[in-house]
Protein backbone atom coordinates (compact mmCIF):
# COMPACT_ATOMS: atom_id res chain seq x y z
CA UNK A 1 0.51 -11.35 -9.16
CA UNK A 2 -0.74 -15.06 -9.58
CA UNK A 3 -1.46 -16.09 -5.63
CA UNK A 4 -4.58 -15.46 -3.56
CA UNK A 5 -2.42 -13.99 -0.61
CA UNK A 6 -1.13 -11.17 -3.46
CA UNK A 7 -4.42 -10.50 -4.81
CA UNK A 8 -5.97 -10.36 -1.60
CA UNK A 9 -3.14 -8.43 0.19
CA UNK A 10 -4.29 -5.51 -2.83
CA UNK A 11 -7.41 -5.64 -2.23
CA UNK A 12 -7.37 -5.31 1.12
CA UNK A 13 -4.83 -2.00 0.32
CA UNK A 14 -7.11 -0.79 -1.90
CA UNK A 15 -10.39 -1.09 0.40
CA UNK A 16 -8.26 0.60 3.09
CA UNK A 17 -7.34 3.42 0.54
CA UNK A 18 -10.98 3.52 -0.24
CA UNK A 19 -12.01 3.83 3.54
CA UNK A 20 -9.51 6.95 4.22
CA UNK A 21 -9.79 8.91 1.26
CA UNK A 22 -14.05 8.54 0.02
CA UNK A 23 -12.86 11.54 -2.92
CA UNK A 24 -9.55 9.36 -4.33
CA UNK A 25 -9.35 8.32 -8.49
CA UNK A 26 -9.93 4.45 -8.51
CA UNK A 27 -6.58 3.19 -7.41
CA UNK A 28 -4.76 1.29 -10.07
CA UNK A 29 -1.75 -0.69 -9.58
CA UNK A 30 1.05 2.16 -11.07
CA UNK A 31 -1.43 4.82 -9.35
CA UNK A 32 1.30 7.08 -7.75
CA UNK A 33 -0.49 7.28 -4.00
CA UNK A 34 0.80 10.49 -3.09
CA UNK A 35 1.59 12.73 -6.23
CA UNK A 36 -1.98 12.27 -7.15
CA UNK A 37 -3.26 12.93 -3.75
CA UNK A 38 -4.86 9.53 -2.96
CA UNK A 39 -3.08 9.80 0.15
CA UNK A 40 -1.32 12.46 2.49
CA UNK A 41 1.70 11.89 4.42
CA UNK A 42 -0.34 11.15 7.74
CA UNK A 43 -2.43 8.96 6.51
CA UNK A 44 0.80 6.79 4.96
CA UNK A 45 1.91 6.42 8.30
CA UNK A 46 -1.42 4.63 8.97
CA UNK A 47 -1.07 2.49 5.85
CA UNK A 48 2.54 1.58 6.78
CA UNK A 49 0.54 0.53 9.81
CA UNK A 50 -1.83 -1.55 7.84
CA UNK A 51 0.83 -3.02 5.70
CA UNK A 52 2.64 -4.66 8.96
CA UNK A 53 -0.79 -5.85 10.08
CA UNK A 54 -1.53 -7.71 6.57
CA UNK A 55 2.39 -9.11 6.38
CA UNK A 56 1.98 -10.05 10.04
CA UNK A 57 5.71 -8.77 10.46
CA UNK A 58 7.38 -5.27 10.97
CA UNK A 59 9.02 -3.48 7.93
CA UNK A 60 12.77 -3.31 7.83
CA UNK A 61 13.64 0.11 9.18
CA UNK A 62 15.86 -0.11 5.98
CA UNK A 63 12.10 -0.25 3.41
CA UNK A 64 10.99 2.84 5.25
CA UNK A 65 11.82 5.10 2.37
CA UNK A 66 8.93 6.71 0.32
CA UNK A 67 9.87 4.65 -3.06
CA UNK A 68 8.94 1.57 -1.32
CA UNK A 69 5.35 3.23 -0.82
CA UNK A 70 5.34 5.00 -4.71
CA UNK A 71 2.17 2.50 -5.76
CA UNK A 72 0.49 -0.19 -4.62
CA UNK A 73 2.43 -2.92 -7.64
CA UNK A 74 5.80 -1.53 -5.66
CA UNK A 75 4.23 -2.24 -2.14
CA UNK A 76 3.52 -5.44 -3.27
CA UNK A 77 6.96 -5.91 -4.52
CA UNK A 78 8.64 -5.04 -1.66
CA UNK A 79 6.90 -6.74 0.95
CA UNK A 80 4.25 -9.19 -0.06
CA UNK A 81 6.45 -11.28 -2.64
CA UNK A 82 7.64 -14.56 -0.74
């Protein structure tokens, strides 16, 4: 992740998580967002919408799978790489 857009997206996602769950552990690139309790299933829906907002386009329905949202690194690889 060398581009500032990528770092900016990760920073925005971390900030969003912190605003929704102030008791969440530090979210590293490989923190499991669901199994670690950082986000619950309802928050994941809002998080998906926020990812779309940052991207400026919808996430294809075929990519709305749990494995595509496991961690910030996986989200970056799936939705923010050119």
